[in-house]
Amino acid sequence: YGADFSNGYAEVLAILPLGRRLSFYGSLGGTYADVSASATVGTVTVTASTRSSGMREGLGAEYWLTPHWGLRAGWHRQNTFSVIDDFGVGAAYRF
């Protein structure tokens, strides 16, 4: 038995700075996914696969604590096979 899942996306990002430290951003793009699975019972192998494409959009904010270190929080919605929401929080570093 085996299963494979591939997912990719491309998006355009627009940033709205609200001063030197705080920015909001929005993103819009497309996504692609490919899922395949196979199972072998005795000498018979059954394989199934499907592909889908859809939209991806997101909103977020970042706040720079120092000139190099900042915090980010964001949300993305992707509708390739079904609607999937993801939320992320993290640290950022500028070189």
Protein backbone atom coordinates (compact mmCIF):
# COMPACT_ATOMS: atom_id res chain seq x y z
CA TYR A 1 0.00 0.00 0.00
CA GLY A 2 1.27 3.49 -0.81
CA ALA A 3 0.03 7.05 -1.16
CA ASP A 4 1.57 10.22 -2.60
CA PHE A 5 0.41 13.81 -2.25
CA SER A 6 1.94 16.77 -4.11
CA ASN A 7 0.86 20.35 -3.62
CA GLY A 8 2.20 23.60 -5.01
CA TYR A 9 1.12 27.20 -5.30
CA ALA A 10 2.16 30.59 -6.65
CA GLU A 11 0.84 33.85 -5.29
CA VAL A 12 1.23 37.61 -5.53
CA LEU A 13 1.85 39.49 -2.30
CA ALA A 14 0.78 43.11 -1.64
CA ILE A 15 2.22 44.84 1.44
CA LEU A 16 0.70 47.90 3.14
CA PRO A 17 3.20 49.53 5.52
CA LEU A 18 1.63 51.45 8.42
CA GLY A 19 4.77 53.08 9.74
CA ARG A 20 8.30 51.75 10.18
CA ARG A 21 7.35 48.76 12.32
CA LEU A 22 3.86 47.54 11.35
CA SER A 23 2.71 46.18 7.97
CA PHE A 24 -0.36 44.34 6.74
CA TYR A 25 -0.30 42.07 3.71
CA GLY A 26 -2.68 40.30 1.39
CA SER A 27 -1.98 37.55 -1.13
CA LEU A 28 -3.81 35.99 -4.05
CA GLY A 29 -2.77 33.12 -6.28
CA GLY A 30 -3.37 29.70 -7.73
CA THR A 31 -2.75 26.21 -6.38
CA TYR A 32 -2.34 22.68 -7.75
CA ALA A 33 -2.58 19.29 -6.04
CA ASP A 34 -2.04 15.69 -7.16
CA VAL A 35 -3.02 12.67 -5.04
CA SER A 36 -2.38 9.03 -5.91
CA ALA A 37 -2.71 5.78 -3.98
CA SER A 38 -2.12 2.12 -4.72
CA ALA A 39 -2.78 -1.16 -2.97
CA THR A 40 -1.78 -4.72 -3.82
CA VAL A 41 -3.85 -7.70 -2.79
CA GLY A 42 -2.27 -10.97 -3.87
CA THR A 43 -1.24 -10.43 -7.48
CA VAL A 44 -3.69 -7.57 -8.19
CA THR A 45 -2.61 -3.94 -7.83
CA VAL A 46 -5.23 -1.19 -7.82
CA THR A 47 -4.15 2.42 -8.41
CA ALA A 48 -6.23 5.61 -8.18
CA SER A 49 -5.20 9.21 -8.72
CA THR A 50 -6.76 12.64 -9.03
CA ARG A 51 -5.60 16.19 -9.75
CA SER A 52 -7.15 19.54 -8.93
CA SER A 53 -6.40 23.24 -9.14
CA GLY A 54 -7.91 26.17 -7.30
CA MET A 55 -7.37 29.53 -5.65
CA ARG A 56 -5.30 30.59 -2.65
CA GLU A 57 -5.75 33.83 -0.74
CA GLY A 58 -4.41 35.18 2.52
CA LEU A 59 -4.13 38.04 4.99
CA GLY A 60 -1.52 38.79 7.60
CA ALA A 61 0.48 41.28 9.61
CA GLU A 62 4.07 41.72 10.70
CA TYR A 63 5.57 43.85 13.45
CA TRP A 64 9.30 44.59 13.62
CA LEU A 65 10.65 44.59 17.19
CA THR A 66 14.12 45.73 16.03
CA PRO A 67 15.51 46.60 12.58
CA HIS A 68 16.33 42.88 12.08
CA TRP A 69 13.81 40.86 14.15
CA GLY A 70 10.05 40.78 13.79
CA LEU A 71 6.89 38.78 14.46
CA ARG A 72 4.39 37.60 11.84
CA ALA A 73 0.88 36.20 11.92
CA GLY A 74 -1.15 35.16 8.90
CA TRP A 75 -4.08 33.20 7.52
CA HIS A 76 -4.39 31.42 4.15
CA ARG A 77 -7.36 29.72 2.52
CA GLN A 78 -6.78 27.17 -0.24
CA ASN A 79 -9.56 25.46 -2.19
CA THR A 80 -7.87 22.77 -4.24
CA PHE A 81 -9.89 19.63 -3.38
CA SER A 82 -11.82 21.21 -0.53
CA VAL A 83 -11.44 24.38 1.51
CA ILE A 84 -8.41 24.31 3.80
CA ASP A 85 -7.57 27.15 6.19
CA ASP A 86 -4.16 27.49 7.79
CA PHE A 87 -2.95 29.92 10.41
CA GLY A 88 0.68 30.69 11.08
CA VAL A 89 2.63 32.65 13.67
CA GLY A 90 6.37 33.04 13.55
CA ALA A 91 9.51 35.10 13.76
CA ALA A 92 11.13 36.94 10.88
CA TYR A 93 14.69 38.09 10.28
CA ARG A 94 15.91 40.76 7.85
CA PHE A 95 19.47 40.61 6.53
